[in-house]
Amino acid sequence: MNENFTELLARVRACRLCEDQLPEGPRPVFQLAKSAHILVAGQAPGIRVHKTGIPFNDPSGDRLRDWMGVDRTVFYDADRLAIVPMGFCYPGTGKSGDLPPIPLCAETWRQKLLDQAPNIKLTLAIGQYAIAWHLGKTKKNLTEIVRSWKEYGESVIPLPHPSPRNNIWLKKNPWFEAELIPVLQARVQKALG
């Protein structure tokens, strides 16, 4: 199907493919413009994001913006920064937190949307599902992948999820904030121009 960008965005926003699997119903949450230079590739919206319809509008987003060294104005400027998670709708909660993104979302929409964003210079792959999609599957665990960030070149940075649930991980891995965050902030500023 050859559709224009506006039509594609409308179809994604109206998506109901996973409706029967979503405890709160469908509400695709993402941000994309053809001019964006940075792609934030997260997992799936949490309940607060689902309710507000604003991506990363929660403590995870506060921490992510801090890591990136940007404020809300820059972060929510779709012309500069795309936010395209692996799943666009809140998947519900399991025993240890939110459920993983429903794979059908990425299978159906992800490449179509990213093909419409030719100016992406930097991708922040957040969490195991986004990392696997952007960097390929590996036998390394999340810590090993993030620790080997230099291996992935200038255009992709693998990151742990910025959720407060990862406070213990951050305490166990002080190198992350000492070594990677300054590089992340420099690359974000460079990509933003």
N, C-alpha and C. Protein backbone atom coordinates (compact mmCIF):
# COMPACT_ATOMS: atom_id res chain seq x y z
N MET A 1 0.85 -1.19 0.00
CA MET A 1 0.00 0.00 0.00
C MET A 1 0.89 1.24 0.00
N ASN A 2 0.65 2.11 -0.94
CA ASN A 2 1.43 3.34 -1.02
C ASN A 2 0.59 4.47 -0.42
N GLU A 3 0.88 4.81 0.83
CA GLU A 3 0.12 5.87 1.49
C GLU A 3 1.06 6.98 1.92
N ASN A 4 0.52 8.14 2.12
CA ASN A 4 1.37 9.23 2.54
C ASN A 4 1.57 9.19 4.06
N PHE A 5 2.45 10.02 4.52
CA PHE A 5 2.84 10.03 5.94
C PHE A 5 1.64 10.31 6.85
N THR A 6 0.85 11.30 6.50
CA THR A 6 -0.31 11.66 7.32
C THR A 6 -1.29 10.50 7.42
N GLU A 7 -1.53 9.82 6.31
CA GLU A 7 -2.44 8.66 6.32
C GLU A 7 -1.89 7.54 7.19
N LEU A 8 -0.57 7.30 7.11
CA LEU A 8 0.04 6.25 7.92
C LEU A 8 -0.10 6.57 9.40
N LEU A 9 0.19 7.80 9.80
CA LEU A 9 0.05 8.18 11.21
C LEU A 9 -1.39 7.98 11.67
N ALA A 10 -2.35 8.35 10.84
CA ALA A 10 -3.76 8.19 11.21
C ALA A 10 -4.11 6.71 11.37
N ARG A 11 -3.61 5.86 10.50
CA ARG A 11 -3.89 4.42 10.63
C ARG A 11 -3.28 3.85 11.90
N VAL A 12 -2.06 4.26 12.23
CA VAL A 12 -1.43 3.76 13.45
C VAL A 12 -2.21 4.25 14.68
N ARG A 13 -2.57 5.51 14.69
CA ARG A 13 -3.32 6.06 15.84
C ARG A 13 -4.70 5.39 16.00
N ALA A 14 -5.25 4.89 14.91
CA ALA A 14 -6.56 4.23 14.95
C ALA A 14 -6.44 2.71 15.11
N CYS A 15 -5.24 2.19 15.27
CA CYS A 15 -5.01 0.75 15.31
C CYS A 15 -5.79 0.09 16.45
N ARG A 16 -6.38 -1.05 16.15
CA ARG A 16 -7.12 -1.84 17.13
C ARG A 16 -6.73 -3.33 17.04
N LEU A 17 -5.58 -3.62 16.42
CA LEU A 17 -5.16 -5.01 16.19
C LEU A 17 -5.09 -5.85 17.46
N CYS A 18 -4.64 -5.28 18.55
CA CYS A 18 -4.43 -6.02 19.80
C CYS A 18 -5.52 -5.74 20.83
N GLU A 19 -6.61 -5.15 20.41
CA GLU A 19 -7.64 -4.68 21.33
C GLU A 19 -8.05 -5.74 22.36
N ASP A 20 -8.17 -7.00 21.93
CA ASP A 20 -8.62 -8.05 22.85
C ASP A 20 -7.57 -8.45 23.88
N GLN A 21 -6.32 -7.97 23.71
CA GLN A 21 -5.24 -8.29 24.64
C GLN A 21 -4.89 -7.13 25.58
N LEU A 22 -5.55 -6.01 25.41
CA LEU A 22 -5.20 -4.80 26.15
C LEU A 22 -6.20 -4.54 27.27
N PRO A 23 -5.76 -4.62 28.53
CA PRO A 23 -6.69 -4.47 29.65
C PRO A 23 -7.35 -3.10 29.74
N GLU A 24 -6.70 -2.07 29.25
CA GLU A 24 -7.24 -0.72 29.28
C GLU A 24 -7.73 -0.26 27.91
N GLY A 25 -7.73 -1.16 26.95
CA GLY A 25 -8.13 -0.81 25.59
C GLY A 25 -7.00 -0.16 24.81
N PRO A 26 -7.16 -0.02 23.51
CA PRO A 26 -6.11 0.57 22.69
C PRO A 26 -6.02 2.08 22.83
N ARG A 27 -4.81 2.57 22.90
CA ARG A 27 -4.52 4.00 22.85
C ARG A 27 -3.07 4.13 22.40
N PRO A 28 -2.82 4.04 21.09
CA PRO A 28 -1.45 4.12 20.61
C PRO A 28 -0.80 5.46 20.99
N VAL A 29 0.38 5.36 21.60
CA VAL A 29 1.11 6.54 22.06
C VAL A 29 2.49 6.53 21.41
N PHE A 30 2.76 7.53 20.59
CA PHE A 30 4.06 7.69 19.94
C PHE A 30 4.15 9.12 19.43
N GLN A 31 5.34 9.47 18.94
CA GLN A 31 5.59 10.82 18.41
C GLN A 31 6.53 10.67 17.23
N LEU A 32 6.18 11.25 16.09
CA LEU A 32 7.03 11.09 14.91
C LEU A 32 6.79 12.21 13.91
N ALA A 33 7.89 12.73 13.39
CA ALA A 33 7.86 13.67 12.27
C ALA A 33 9.01 13.29 11.33
N LYS A 34 8.84 13.58 10.07
CA LYS A 34 9.87 13.23 9.09
C LYS A 34 11.21 13.91 9.39
N SER A 35 11.17 15.05 10.04
CA SER A 35 12.38 15.84 10.29
C SER A 35 13.16 15.41 11.53
N ALA A 36 12.63 14.50 12.34
CA ALA A 36 13.27 14.12 13.60
C ALA A 36 14.69 13.59 13.38
N HIS A 37 15.58 13.95 14.28
CA HIS A 37 16.98 13.52 14.21
C HIS A 37 17.34 12.47 15.26
N ILE A 38 16.51 12.36 16.29
CA ILE A 38 16.75 11.39 17.36
C ILE A 38 15.54 10.49 17.47
N LEU A 39 15.79 9.19 17.61
CA LEU A 39 14.73 8.22 17.84
C LEU A 39 14.88 7.64 19.24
N VAL A 40 13.86 7.80 20.05
CA VAL A 40 13.78 7.15 21.36
C VAL A 40 12.93 5.90 21.15
N ALA A 41 13.57 4.75 21.23
CA ALA A 41 12.89 3.46 21.02
C ALA A 41 12.75 2.78 22.37
N GLY A 42 11.57 2.90 22.96
CA GLY A 42 11.32 2.30 24.26
C GLY A 42 10.60 0.98 24.15
N GLN A 43 9.98 0.55 25.25
CA GLN A 43 9.31 -0.73 25.31
C GLN A 43 7.83 -0.57 24.93
N ALA A 44 7.03 -0.09 25.88
CA ALA A 44 5.60 0.15 25.68
C ALA A 44 5.16 1.13 26.76
N PRO A 45 4.08 1.87 26.52
CA PRO A 45 3.62 2.83 27.52
C PRO A 45 3.21 2.17 28.83
N GLY A 46 3.46 2.85 29.93
CA GLY A 46 2.94 2.44 31.23
C GLY A 46 1.53 2.99 31.40
N ILE A 47 0.91 2.71 32.52
CA ILE A 47 -0.47 3.12 32.74
C ILE A 47 -0.62 4.65 32.77
N ARG A 48 0.34 5.36 33.36
CA ARG A 48 0.22 6.83 33.40
C ARG A 48 0.31 7.42 31.99
N VAL A 49 1.21 6.87 31.18
CA VAL A 49 1.33 7.33 29.79
C VAL A 49 0.05 7.00 29.03
N HIS A 50 -0.49 5.82 29.26
CA HIS A 50 -1.76 5.44 28.61
C HIS A 50 -2.86 6.45 28.95
N LYS A 51 -2.94 6.83 30.20
CA LYS A 51 -4.01 7.74 30.63
C LYS A 51 -3.83 9.14 30.06
N THR A 52 -2.59 9.61 29.96
CA THR A 52 -2.36 10.98 29.47
C THR A 52 -2.18 11.05 27.96
N GLY A 53 -1.76 9.94 27.35
CA GLY A 53 -1.50 9.95 25.92
C GLY A 53 -0.20 10.65 25.56
N ILE A 54 0.64 10.92 26.56
CA ILE A 54 1.92 11.61 26.34
C ILE A 54 3.06 10.64 26.61
N PRO A 55 3.93 10.35 25.64
CA PRO A 55 5.00 9.38 25.86
C PRO A 55 5.97 9.82 26.95
N PHE A 56 6.39 8.85 27.74
CA PHE A 56 7.36 9.09 28.82
C PHE A 56 6.92 10.23 29.75
N ASN A 57 5.66 10.34 30.00
CA ASN A 57 5.12 11.34 30.90
C ASN A 57 4.98 10.73 32.30
N ASP A 58 6.12 10.35 32.86
CA ASP A 58 6.15 9.63 34.14
C ASP A 58 7.57 9.72 34.71
N PRO A 59 7.83 9.15 35.87
CA PRO A 59 9.19 9.21 36.44
C PRO A 59 10.27 8.63 35.52
N SER A 60 9.93 7.62 34.73
CA SER A 60 10.90 7.09 33.77
C SER A 60 11.30 8.16 32.76
N GLY A 61 10.33 8.93 32.30
CA GLY A 61 10.61 10.00 31.36
C GLY A 61 11.45 11.10 31.98
N ASP A 62 11.18 11.41 33.25
CA ASP A 62 12.00 12.42 33.94
C ASP A 62 13.46 11.99 33.96
N ARG A 63 13.67 10.71 34.30
CA ARG A 63 15.06 10.21 34.36
C ARG A 63 15.67 10.17 32.97
N LEU A 64 14.92 9.73 31.97
CA LEU A 64 15.44 9.67 30.61
C LEU A 64 15.84 11.06 30.11
N ARG A 65 15.00 12.05 30.34
CA ARG A 65 15.35 13.42 29.92
C ARG A 65 16.60 13.90 30.64
N ASP A 66 16.74 13.54 31.91
CA ASP A 66 17.94 13.88 32.66
C ASP A 66 19.17 13.21 32.04
N TRP A 67 19.05 11.92 31.75
CA TRP A 67 20.16 11.21 31.10
C TRP A 67 20.55 11.89 29.78
N MET A 68 19.54 12.30 29.01
CA MET A 68 19.79 12.89 27.69
C MET A 68 20.27 14.33 27.80
N GLY A 69 20.00 14.99 28.92
CA GLY A 69 20.38 16.39 29.07
C GLY A 69 19.46 17.33 28.30
N VAL A 70 18.16 16.95 28.20
CA VAL A 70 17.19 17.81 27.50
C VAL A 70 16.01 18.09 28.42
N ASP A 71 15.30 19.17 28.13
CA ASP A 71 14.10 19.47 28.90
C ASP A 71 12.87 18.96 28.15
N ARG A 72 11.71 19.13 28.75
CA ARG A 72 10.46 18.64 28.16
C ARG A 72 10.17 19.32 26.81
N THR A 73 10.55 20.58 26.67
CA THR A 73 10.28 21.29 25.42
C THR A 73 11.00 20.61 24.25
N VAL A 74 12.26 20.30 24.44
CA VAL A 74 13.03 19.62 23.39
C VAL A 74 12.51 18.20 23.20
N PHE A 75 12.29 17.49 24.31
CA PHE A 75 11.88 16.09 24.25
C PHE A 75 10.56 15.91 23.50
N TYR A 76 9.63 16.82 23.68
CA TYR A 76 8.32 16.70 23.04
C TYR A 76 8.19 17.48 21.75
N ASP A 77 9.31 17.91 21.19
CA ASP A 77 9.32 18.56 19.88
C ASP A 77 9.47 17.47 18.83
N ALA A 78 8.35 17.03 18.26
CA ALA A 78 8.36 15.91 17.30
C ALA A 78 9.22 16.20 16.08
N ASP A 79 9.39 17.48 15.74
CA ASP A 79 10.24 17.81 14.60
C ASP A 79 11.70 17.47 14.86
N ARG A 80 12.07 17.34 16.13
CA ARG A 80 13.46 17.07 16.50
C ARG A 80 13.67 15.66 17.06
N LEU A 81 12.64 15.14 17.74
CA LEU A 81 12.80 13.90 18.48
C LEU A 81 11.59 12.99 18.27
N ALA A 82 11.83 11.80 17.74
CA ALA A 82 10.78 10.80 17.54
C ALA A 82 10.76 9.86 18.75
N ILE A 83 9.57 9.45 19.15
CA ILE A 83 9.41 8.47 20.22
C ILE A 83 8.54 7.36 19.66
N VAL A 84 9.17 6.25 19.32
CA VAL A 84 8.47 5.13 18.70
C VAL A 84 8.81 3.86 19.49
N PRO A 85 7.94 3.49 20.44
CA PRO A 85 8.22 2.31 21.25
C PRO A 85 7.99 1.01 20.48
N MET A 86 8.34 -0.10 21.09
CA MET A 86 8.15 -1.41 20.48
C MET A 86 6.66 -1.79 20.47
N GLY A 87 5.93 -1.31 21.43
CA GLY A 87 4.48 -1.48 21.48
C GLY A 87 3.88 -0.13 21.78
N PHE A 88 2.82 0.25 21.07
CA PHE A 88 2.27 1.60 21.21
C PHE A 88 1.21 1.72 22.29
N CYS A 89 0.70 0.59 22.78
CA CYS A 89 -0.38 0.61 23.78
C CYS A 89 0.07 -0.05 25.07
N TYR A 90 -0.52 0.37 26.16
CA TYR A 90 -0.23 -0.20 27.48
C TYR A 90 -0.63 -1.68 27.49
N PRO A 91 0.33 -2.59 27.75
CA PRO A 91 0.05 -4.03 27.67
C PRO A 91 -0.53 -4.64 28.94
N GLY A 92 -0.59 -3.88 30.02
CA GLY A 92 -1.07 -4.42 31.28
C GLY A 92 0.07 -4.75 32.22
N THR A 93 -0.28 -5.24 33.40
CA THR A 93 0.70 -5.51 34.44
C THR A 93 0.77 -7.00 34.74
N GLY A 94 2.00 -7.47 34.97
CA GLY A 94 2.22 -8.86 35.37
C GLY A 94 2.74 -8.92 36.79
N LYS A 95 3.34 -10.04 37.15
CA LYS A 95 3.83 -10.25 38.52
C LYS A 95 4.95 -9.29 38.91
N SER A 96 5.80 -8.93 37.95
CA SER A 96 6.96 -8.11 38.30
C SER A 96 6.98 -6.77 37.58
N GLY A 97 5.81 -6.25 37.25
CA GLY A 97 5.76 -4.95 36.57
C GLY A 97 4.94 -5.05 35.30
N ASP A 98 5.08 -4.07 34.44
CA ASP A 98 4.33 -4.05 33.19
C ASP A 98 4.71 -5.24 32.31
N LEU A 99 3.74 -5.75 31.57
CA LEU A 99 3.98 -6.85 30.64
C LEU A 99 4.82 -6.35 29.47
N PRO A 100 5.46 -7.27 28.74
CA PRO A 100 6.24 -6.86 27.58
C PRO A 100 5.34 -6.31 26.46
N PRO A 101 5.92 -5.58 25.54
CA PRO A 101 5.13 -5.08 24.41
C PRO A 101 4.59 -6.26 23.60
N ILE A 102 3.41 -6.08 23.05
CA ILE A 102 2.82 -7.12 22.20
C ILE A 102 3.54 -7.08 20.85
N PRO A 103 4.15 -8.20 20.42
CA PRO A 103 4.98 -8.21 19.21
C PRO A 103 4.27 -7.77 17.93
N LEU A 104 2.97 -8.02 17.82
CA LEU A 104 2.24 -7.66 16.60
C LEU A 104 2.35 -6.18 16.27
N CYS A 105 2.48 -5.35 17.28
CA CYS A 105 2.59 -3.91 17.06
C CYS A 105 3.83 -3.58 16.22
N ALA A 106 4.98 -4.02 16.70
CA ALA A 106 6.23 -3.76 15.97
C ALA A 106 6.23 -4.44 14.61
N GLU A 107 5.71 -5.67 14.56
CA GLU A 107 5.67 -6.41 13.29
C GLU A 107 4.83 -5.67 12.25
N THR A 108 3.77 -5.04 12.68
CA THR A 108 2.85 -4.38 11.76
C THR A 108 3.29 -2.96 11.38
N TRP A 109 3.77 -2.19 12.36
CA TRP A 109 3.94 -0.76 12.13
C TRP A 109 5.36 -0.23 12.15
N ARG A 110 6.24 -0.86 12.90
CA ARG A 110 7.53 -0.23 13.22
C ARG A 110 8.33 0.16 11.98
N GLN A 111 8.59 -0.77 11.08
CA GLN A 111 9.42 -0.45 9.92
C GLN A 111 8.75 0.57 9.02
N LYS A 112 7.44 0.49 8.87
CA LYS A 112 6.71 1.46 8.05
C LYS A 112 6.91 2.87 8.58
N LEU A 113 6.83 3.02 9.90
CA LEU A 113 7.02 4.34 10.50
C LEU A 113 8.47 4.82 10.38
N LEU A 114 9.41 3.93 10.69
CA LEU A 114 10.82 4.33 10.64
C LEU A 114 11.26 4.66 9.22
N ASP A 115 10.65 4.01 8.22
CA ASP A 115 10.96 4.34 6.82
C ASP A 115 10.56 5.78 6.50
N GLN A 116 9.65 6.35 7.28
CA GLN A 116 9.19 7.73 7.07
C GLN A 116 10.03 8.75 7.81
N ALA A 117 11.08 8.28 8.50
CA ALA A 117 11.93 9.18 9.29
C ALA A 117 13.38 9.06 8.80
N PRO A 118 13.67 9.60 7.64
CA PRO A 118 14.99 9.41 7.03
C PRO A 118 16.12 10.22 7.67
N ASN A 119 15.78 11.14 8.57
CA ASN A 119 16.81 12.02 9.13
C ASN A 119 17.32 11.60 10.50
N ILE A 120 16.93 10.40 10.96
CA ILE A 120 17.38 9.92 12.27
C ILE A 120 18.90 9.75 12.25
N LYS A 121 19.56 10.43 13.19
CA LYS A 121 21.02 10.34 13.32
C LYS A 121 21.43 9.52 14.53
N LEU A 122 20.54 9.46 15.53
CA LEU A 122 20.86 8.79 16.78
C LEU A 122 19.63 8.05 17.28
N THR A 123 19.82 6.75 17.59
CA THR A 123 18.74 5.93 18.15
C THR A 123 19.12 5.53 19.56
N LEU A 124 18.22 5.78 20.50
CA LEU A 124 18.38 5.33 21.88
C LEU A 124 17.50 4.10 22.03
N ALA A 125 18.13 2.92 22.08
CA ALA A 125 17.42 1.65 22.20
C ALA A 125 17.30 1.32 23.69
N ILE A 126 16.09 1.45 24.22
CA ILE A 126 15.87 1.37 25.66
C ILE A 126 15.22 0.05 26.03
N GLY A 127 15.94 -0.77 26.79
CA GLY A 127 15.41 -2.05 27.24
C GLY A 127 15.63 -3.16 26.24
N GLN A 128 15.42 -4.38 26.71
CA GLN A 128 15.81 -5.55 25.93
C GLN A 128 15.07 -5.71 24.60
N TYR A 129 13.80 -5.34 24.53
CA TYR A 129 13.05 -5.53 23.28
C TYR A 129 13.51 -4.54 22.21
N ALA A 130 13.70 -3.30 22.58
CA ALA A 130 14.19 -2.30 21.62
C ALA A 130 15.63 -2.60 21.22
N ILE A 131 16.43 -3.04 22.17
CA ILE A 131 17.83 -3.38 21.87
C ILE A 131 17.88 -4.53 20.87
N ALA A 132 17.08 -5.57 21.10
CA ALA A 132 17.08 -6.72 20.19
C ALA A 132 16.63 -6.30 18.79
N TRP A 133 15.65 -5.40 18.70
CA TRP A 133 15.16 -4.98 17.39
C TRP A 133 16.20 -4.14 16.65
N HIS A 134 16.86 -3.24 17.36
CA HIS A 134 17.80 -2.32 16.70
C HIS A 134 19.21 -2.87 16.56
N LEU A 135 19.62 -3.77 17.45
CA LEU A 135 21.00 -4.28 17.42
C LEU A 135 21.07 -5.76 17.09
N GLY A 136 19.95 -6.42 17.02
CA GLY A 136 19.93 -7.86 16.75
C GLY A 136 19.99 -8.65 18.05
N LYS A 137 19.54 -9.88 17.95
CA LYS A 137 19.54 -10.73 19.14
C LYS A 137 20.96 -11.17 19.45
N THR A 138 21.24 -11.33 20.74
CA THR A 138 22.56 -11.70 21.20
C THR A 138 22.43 -12.55 22.46
N LYS A 139 23.48 -13.23 22.80
CA LYS A 139 23.48 -14.02 24.04
C LYS A 139 23.89 -13.18 25.23
N LYS A 140 24.31 -11.95 24.99
CA LYS A 140 24.69 -11.06 26.08
C LYS A 140 23.44 -10.64 26.86
N ASN A 141 23.61 -10.42 28.16
CA ASN A 141 22.50 -9.89 28.93
C ASN A 141 22.49 -8.36 28.79
N LEU A 142 21.46 -7.74 29.34
CA LEU A 142 21.30 -6.29 29.19
C LEU A 142 22.53 -5.52 29.69
N THR A 143 23.04 -5.91 30.84
CA THR A 143 24.21 -5.21 31.40
C THR A 143 25.40 -5.31 30.45
N GLU A 144 25.64 -6.50 29.91
CA GLU A 144 26.76 -6.69 28.99
C GLU A 144 26.59 -5.87 27.71
N ILE A 145 25.36 -5.81 27.22
CA ILE A 145 25.09 -5.03 26.00
C ILE A 145 25.34 -3.55 26.26
N VAL A 146 24.77 -3.04 27.34
CA VAL A 146 24.93 -1.61 27.63
C VAL A 146 26.40 -1.29 27.91
N ARG A 147 27.07 -2.18 28.62
CA ARG A 147 28.48 -1.95 28.94
C ARG A 147 29.35 -1.92 27.67
N SER A 148 28.93 -2.63 26.63
CA SER A 148 29.71 -2.67 25.39
C SER A 148 29.16 -1.67 24.35
N TRP A 149 28.59 -0.57 24.83
CA TRP A 149 27.98 0.43 23.97
C TRP A 149 28.91 0.95 22.87
N LYS A 150 30.22 0.95 23.13
CA LYS A 150 31.17 1.47 22.13
C LYS A 150 31.19 0.62 20.87
N GLU A 151 30.79 -0.65 20.99
CA GLU A 151 30.81 -1.57 19.84
C GLU A 151 29.74 -1.25 18.81
N TYR A 152 28.78 -0.43 19.15
CA TYR A 152 27.63 -0.24 18.28
C TYR A 152 27.70 1.03 17.43
N GLY A 153 28.83 1.68 17.43
CA GLY A 153 29.01 2.84 16.58
C GLY A 153 28.40 4.11 17.15
N GLU A 154 28.33 5.11 16.32
CA GLU A 154 27.89 6.44 16.74
C GLU A 154 26.38 6.63 16.67
N SER A 155 25.66 5.76 15.96
CA SER A 155 24.26 6.03 15.69
C SER A 155 23.25 5.32 16.61
N VAL A 156 23.71 4.36 17.43
CA VAL A 156 22.81 3.65 18.35
C VAL A 156 23.46 3.55 19.72
N ILE A 157 22.68 3.86 20.75
CA ILE A 157 23.15 3.68 22.13
C ILE A 157 22.15 2.80 22.86
N PRO A 158 22.59 1.62 23.32
CA PRO A 158 21.69 0.77 24.11
C PRO A 158 21.63 1.29 25.55
N LEU A 159 20.43 1.31 26.10
CA LEU A 159 20.24 1.83 27.46
C LEU A 159 19.34 0.90 28.26
N PRO A 160 19.54 0.86 29.58
CA PRO A 160 18.58 0.18 30.42
C PRO A 160 17.32 1.02 30.48
N HIS A 161 16.23 0.43 30.93
CA HIS A 161 15.02 1.24 31.08
C HIS A 161 15.23 2.24 32.21
N PRO A 162 14.82 3.48 32.05
CA PRO A 162 15.03 4.50 33.10
C PRO A 162 14.04 4.41 34.27
N SER A 163 13.31 3.34 34.35
CA SER A 163 12.32 3.17 35.42
C SER A 163 12.95 3.20 36.81
N PRO A 164 12.23 3.74 37.79
CA PRO A 164 12.71 3.65 39.18
C PRO A 164 12.93 2.21 39.63
N ARG A 165 12.30 1.25 38.97
CA ARG A 165 12.52 -0.17 39.28
C ARG A 165 13.98 -0.57 39.04
N ASN A 166 14.69 0.21 38.24
CA ASN A 166 16.09 -0.10 37.93
C ASN A 166 17.08 0.64 38.82
N ASN A 167 16.63 1.21 39.92
CA ASN A 167 17.55 1.90 40.84
C ASN A 167 18.66 0.98 41.34
N ILE A 168 18.32 -0.26 41.63
CA ILE A 168 19.34 -1.22 42.11
C ILE A 168 20.37 -1.47 41.01
N TRP A 169 19.91 -1.62 39.76
CA TRP A 169 20.84 -1.82 38.64
C TRP A 169 21.79 -0.63 38.54
N LEU A 170 21.27 0.57 38.65
CA LEU A 170 22.09 1.78 38.55
C LEU A 170 23.13 1.83 39.68
N LYS A 171 22.75 1.43 40.89
CA LYS A 171 23.70 1.41 42.01
C LYS A 171 24.79 0.37 41.80
N LYS A 172 24.44 -0.76 41.20
CA LYS A 172 25.42 -1.83 40.95
C LYS A 172 26.34 -1.52 39.77
N ASN A 173 25.94 -0.57 38.94
CA ASN A 173 26.69 -0.26 37.72
C ASN A 173 27.00 1.23 37.64
N PRO A 174 27.83 1.74 38.57
CA PRO A 174 28.11 3.18 38.59
C PRO A 174 28.82 3.69 37.33
N TRP A 175 29.46 2.79 36.59
CA TRP A 175 30.11 3.16 35.34
C TRP A 175 29.10 3.76 34.34
N PHE A 176 27.83 3.32 34.44
CA PHE A 176 26.82 3.79 33.49
C PHE A 176 26.68 5.31 33.54
N GLU A 177 26.47 5.85 34.72
CA GLU A 177 26.30 7.30 34.83
C GLU A 177 27.63 8.04 34.71
N ALA A 178 28.72 7.41 35.12
CA ALA A 178 30.03 8.06 35.05
C ALA A 178 30.59 8.08 33.63
N GLU A 179 30.40 6.99 32.88
CA GLU A 179 31.03 6.87 31.56
C GLU A 179 30.08 7.10 30.40
N LEU A 180 28.90 6.48 30.46
CA LEU A 180 28.01 6.52 29.30
C LEU A 180 27.15 7.78 29.23
N ILE A 181 26.66 8.25 30.35
CA ILE A 181 25.77 9.42 30.33
C ILE A 181 26.43 10.65 29.69
N PRO A 182 27.69 10.98 30.01
CA PRO A 182 28.30 12.14 29.33
C PRO A 182 28.38 11.96 27.80
N VAL A 183 28.65 10.74 27.36
CA VAL A 183 28.69 10.47 25.92
C VAL A 183 27.30 10.58 25.32
N LEU A 184 26.31 10.03 26.01
CA LEU A 184 24.93 10.13 25.56
C LEU A 184 24.53 11.59 25.39
N GLN A 185 24.81 12.41 26.38
CA GLN A 185 24.43 13.83 26.30
C GLN A 185 25.14 14.54 25.16
N ALA A 186 26.41 14.22 24.95
CA ALA A 186 27.14 14.85 23.84
C ALA A 186 26.56 14.43 22.50
N ARG A 187 26.22 13.15 22.35
CA ARG A 187 25.65 12.67 21.08
C ARG A 187 24.25 13.24 20.84
N VAL A 188 23.49 13.40 21.91
CA VAL A 188 22.16 14.00 21.76
C VAL A 188 22.31 15.44 21.27
N GLN A 189 23.19 16.21 21.88
CA GLN A 189 23.39 17.60 21.47
C GLN A 189 23.87 17.68 20.03
N LYS A 190 24.77 16.78 19.65
CA LYS A 190 25.28 16.76 18.27
C LYS A 190 24.15 16.44 17.28
N ALA A 191 23.32 15.45 17.61
CA ALA A 191 22.22 15.06 16.73
C ALA A 191 21.18 16.17 16.61
N LEU A 192 20.96 16.89 17.69
CA LEU A 192 19.99 17.99 17.66
C LEU A 192 20.51 19.19 16.88
N GLY A 193 21.84 19.26 16.75
CA GLY A 193 22.45 20.35 15.98
C GLY A 193 22.52 21.62 16.77
